[in-house]
């Protein structure tokens, strides 16, 4: 076996990296809308504990979504198998977290 046959190829995970780039755009929109929603509740002093809880939900969704995406890319690279589903699942977790954030925020 030659060294070139044993070398890992980054092109295997190129589709997942491209989808992760789209996830960056989705994360940007989620954060933009989340800040917009949070600032719309800024005058509500009694809503502060609810806003704090909603913020932790969104933070957890962002961390979990990006964790799924990065784990899929890293395992796809090390095993040399494409894992294009990981950024899609990560984006779904982030969007779901935003929807939960919004529902908690406006339930107050």
Protein backbone atom coordinates (compact mmCIF):
# COMPACT_ATOMS: atom_id res chain seq x y z
CA UNK A 1 0.00 0.00 0.00
CA UNK A 2 1.45 3.33 -1.03
CA UNK A 3 1.31 6.45 1.15
CA UNK A 4 -1.17 8.02 -1.26
CA UNK A 5 -3.60 5.15 -0.81
CA UNK A 6 -3.51 5.55 2.96
CA UNK A 7 -3.84 9.33 2.90
CA UNK A 8 -7.16 10.80 3.91
CA UNK A 9 -9.02 12.88 1.37
CA UNK A 10 -10.90 15.99 2.49
CA UNK A 11 -13.11 15.81 -0.62
CA UNK A 12 -15.11 13.04 1.04
CA UNK A 13 -16.65 15.51 3.47
CA UNK A 14 -16.86 18.45 1.04
CA UNK A 15 -20.67 18.21 0.74
CA UNK A 16 -21.01 18.26 4.53
CA UNK A 17 -18.69 21.26 4.75
CA UNK A 18 -20.79 23.04 2.12
CA UNK A 19 -23.95 22.33 4.09
CA UNK A 20 -22.21 23.55 7.24
CA UNK A 21 -21.56 26.83 5.43
CA UNK A 22 -25.30 27.09 4.83
CA UNK A 23 -25.81 26.32 8.50
CA UNK A 24 -23.71 29.39 9.31
CA UNK A 25 -26.22 31.47 7.35
CA UNK A 26 -29.14 29.78 9.15
CA UNK A 27 -27.46 30.43 12.51
CA UNK A 28 -27.03 34.08 11.60
CA UNK A 29 -30.70 34.44 10.76
CA UNK A 30 -31.75 32.62 13.94
CA UNK A 31 -29.58 34.91 16.07
CA UNK A 32 -30.86 38.00 14.25
CA UNK A 33 -34.49 37.05 14.80
CA UNK A 34 -33.79 35.95 18.39
CA UNK A 35 -32.25 39.32 19.26
CA UNK A 36 -35.17 41.06 17.59
CA UNK A 37 -37.65 39.01 19.64
CA UNK A 38 -35.71 39.48 22.89
CA UNK A 39 -35.45 43.25 22.44
CA UNK A 40 -39.18 43.45 21.81
CA UNK A 41 -39.63 42.14 25.39
CA UNK A 42 -37.03 44.47 26.95
CA UNK A 43 -39.58 46.70 28.68
CA UNK A 44 -41.21 43.77 30.49
CA UNK A 45 -39.47 43.57 33.90
CA UNK A 46 -41.55 40.63 35.14
CA UNK A 47 -40.61 38.67 31.98
CA UNK A 48 -36.90 38.56 32.88
CA UNK A 49 -36.81 34.98 34.29
CA UNK A 50 -38.68 33.75 31.24
CA UNK A 51 -36.32 35.57 28.88
CA UNK A 52 -33.35 34.06 30.72
CA UNK A 53 -34.82 30.56 30.39
CA UNK A 54 -35.55 31.11 26.70
CA UNK A 55 -31.99 32.35 26.17
CA UNK A 56 -30.59 29.16 27.74
CA UNK A 57 -32.83 27.05 25.51
CA UNK A 58 -31.52 28.84 22.42
CA UNK A 59 -27.91 28.57 23.61
CA UNK A 60 -28.34 24.84 24.20
CA UNK A 61 -29.87 24.37 20.76
CA UNK A 62 -26.98 26.24 19.12
CA UNK A 63 -24.36 24.21 20.97
CA UNK A 64 -26.12 20.91 20.29
CA UNK A 65 -26.75 21.73 16.62
CA UNK A 66 -23.15 22.73 15.95
CA UNK A 67 -21.91 19.76 17.99
CA UNK A 68 -23.89 17.38 15.78
CA UNK A 69 -22.58 19.08 12.65
CA UNK A 70 -18.94 19.09 13.69
CA UNK A 71 -19.10 15.51 14.98
CA UNK A 72 -20.54 14.39 11.64
CA UNK A 73 -17.82 16.17 9.68
CA UNK A 74 -15.00 14.86 11.88
CA UNK A 75 -16.24 11.27 11.89
CA UNK A 76 -16.87 11.44 8.16
CA UNK A 77 -13.31 12.60 7.62
CA UNK A 78 -11.71 10.03 9.90
CA UNK A 79 -13.77 7.12 8.51
CA UNK A 80 -13.63 8.47 4.95
CA UNK A 81 -17.39 8.23 4.52
CA UNK A 82 -19.67 11.10 3.68
CA UNK A 83 -21.89 12.33 6.51
CA UNK A 84 -24.02 14.92 4.74
CA UNK A 85 -26.97 14.36 7.07
CA UNK A 86 -25.19 15.89 10.09
CA UNK A 87 -25.44 19.57 9.02
CA UNK A 88 -29.10 19.05 8.12
CA UNK A 89 -29.87 17.58 11.55
CA UNK A 90 -27.80 20.32 13.21
CA UNK A 91 -29.71 23.02 11.35
CA UNK A 92 -33.02 21.40 12.30
CA UNK A 93 -31.98 21.40 15.97
CA UNK A 94 -31.05 25.09 15.77
CA UNK A 95 -34.30 26.09 14.07
CA UNK A 96 -36.30 23.95 16.52
CA UNK A 97 -34.48 25.62 19.41
CA UNK A 98 -35.36 29.03 18.01
CA UNK A 99 -39.02 28.07 17.70
CA UNK A 100 -38.99 26.86 21.31
CA UNK A 101 -37.21 30.09 22.33
CA UNK A 102 -39.90 32.12 20.61
CA UNK A 103 -42.75 30.16 22.15
CA UNK A 104 -41.27 30.52 25.66
CA UNK A 105 -40.63 34.20 25.11
CA UNK A 106 -44.11 35.06 23.93
CA UNK A 107 -45.87 32.84 26.47
CA UNK A 108 -44.77 35.25 29.22
